[in-house]
C-alpha cells in the first residue's frame, strides 16, 4: 500500500458533533493503526486523547484539530499545528515548480527535436505534437475520477509522479541513442523515435493525472472551519498560478538552453527531486477520504429521474427522500439543502409507492440507488450542472488567450523590431504577458484583497464570479488594443511605402499586459471558484474540468 493511502481509504472516524449519553462511555480498543481509541462500533474509532472522560469531544481538541474531517498520515484526526497549512503547501508549490520546469521544457523544445534531431518534416512534426497534446488534455479527467473514487489524491499523485519520471527517463534515453551511431548500429533513428514517443505518452499519462490532484490536494491543506485558514486557501490559488508561470518562464529559457547544449538528463533529475519532496514530507499533509465514483452518482440521479418522469413532484420539498444524519451512508458526507431550480432532477428523490418500503427501512442494501436517490445526491448533480454555463463561457476566454503565441506574434513580425541597437524577436513580446502575471499576483494577494475586504466585508475581497467576470472583460480590451494598433500600423505603412515596418513592436506591450491581467483574474478565479463550489466527492473532477476548458479554448482558436 502506498504511503498515506491508508488514511484516505481505510480509516474512518466519528463526526465531532456526535456525543454519547452520560455514563455510557464506549470501551477502549486498538484501531487499525494500533492506537488506543474509543470504540463506537465495529468500524468507527475516536482517539482517546480527543475526548473527555465520557466520550465527548473536548473543547480544546475541537480547536486543535481540523474541523473538516481531515486525517493525518496515520489516519488519525489531523492536528492543525503539525499538519496542513502553509507548512505543507510550500512543499507542494515547490513540487509544482519542478513539474512545470520539466513538462514545459519538453513542450517548448519538442518541435525542434522532431525536425532537427529526428529529421521529420514540419507537417508531420506538428501533427505528432498536436496529437500528443490532445491526448494529454483528456487524461486529467481520468486521473481526477481515479483520485476521487479509489486511490485518493495523494496516492494518485505518487503514482502519476513515478510514471512521469519513467516517461522522462525514456525520453532522455532516446536523445542519447544518437551516440550509438558511432558504433555502427543501423536503424537507430527508428528505434530512437519509438522510444521517444513511448516516453512521451507515458509522460501524458503521468503528468495529466498529477495536475488536477496537486491543485486540489494543496487546497485540502486548509481547514474550511477555520476563518484564517479559509482566507489562506484563497491565497493558495494565487500563489499556485504564480509558481506555474514562474516555472514555465524558466523552462522556456533556461531549461531549453540546457537541453540544447548539455542533453535531456536535467528533466528526470528535477522530477526525481520533486517526487522525493512529495514522499519525504508525507507526514505534513492532511488527507481527505474518498467518496466513491462521482460519475456513478451522477448517472444514478439521471436514471432515477427518468424512471419517475411521469410522477408529479410534491409541493412540499420535505417529502423528498433524504437519509438521516445517523445513517452510515451519510458519514463523511456534508448534507446539502434542497434548492428549487432544476426541478426535473428532484424526481430522483420522489418516494413513490414502489419506493415507500425502501424509504421506511433506510437500509442501503434494500434501497436501490438507481431508483431512489437522496436529496443531497441530487443537489450534487445540480451544482455540477450550474457550473457548465460558466465553463463554456471560460472556453471563449482561452480561445482569445491562444492568440498570444500565434496572431500577436504574426502582427509583431510585420512591425519594427529594432529597439536602439537591439532587435527584439516578436515572440519575446510575450514576456510582457508573463511579467504582468508575476507582478500582479503578489499585488492582488497582498494589496488588493485586504483593501477590498475592508470595503466589502468579504473574506476574499470580491466574490469568485466578480473576479472571473472582470477577467473575461480583459481579452475584449486586449483584442481592441490589437485592432487599434493594426489599424495604425496599416495606416503608417500606406503613408510610407518605402518603410512598411515603421511602427515599433513595443506598441504591442499593452495588449500583452491586458491579456496577463485577464489571466490573473480569470485563471486563478476559476480554479478557486470550482474547487469551492464543488461537492466533496467532485472537487478533483471539477478542477480537471477547469483544465479541460483551457484545452477546449486552444482547440476553438
Foldseek 3Di string as FASTA:
>chain_A
DDQLQCLFAQAAADQLPDFDDPPPFADWDQDPLRATFGDPDPRHTAHPVQDDPRGHGDPVSCVQFFNQRWAFRSNHTHGLVQAFDVVVLVLLLLLLLLLLLQPLLCLLCVLVCCCPVLVDDNVVSVVLSVVLVVLLLPQLLVLLQCQQAPRNLLRLLLVLLVLLLVLLVLLLVLVVLVVCVVVVDPPSSVVSVVSNVVSSNSNSNRSSSNVLSSLLQNLQRFHPVDLVSVLVSLLSLLVSVLSNLVSSVCNNPVVNVCCVPPTRPVSSVSSVVSSCSSVVCRRRGIGAHHLHGLVVLLQLLVLQLVVQVVPDDDPDLVQFAAADCPQPSCRSFDADDADDPPCSSSSLRHCDPVNVVVRVVVDPVPDDSSNHPHRRSSVLNVLVVVCVVVLVLVLQLLLLVLCLQPVQQVVLVQAQQDDDPDGDRSNVLLVLLSVLSNVVSVCQSPPVQVVLCVVPVDSRSDALVVLQVVLSCLSVVLVVLVVVVVVVLCVVCVVPVVCSRHHYSCSNSVSSNSSSSSCSRNVSSQLVVQQVSHGPSCNSSSSSSNSSSNVSSNVVD
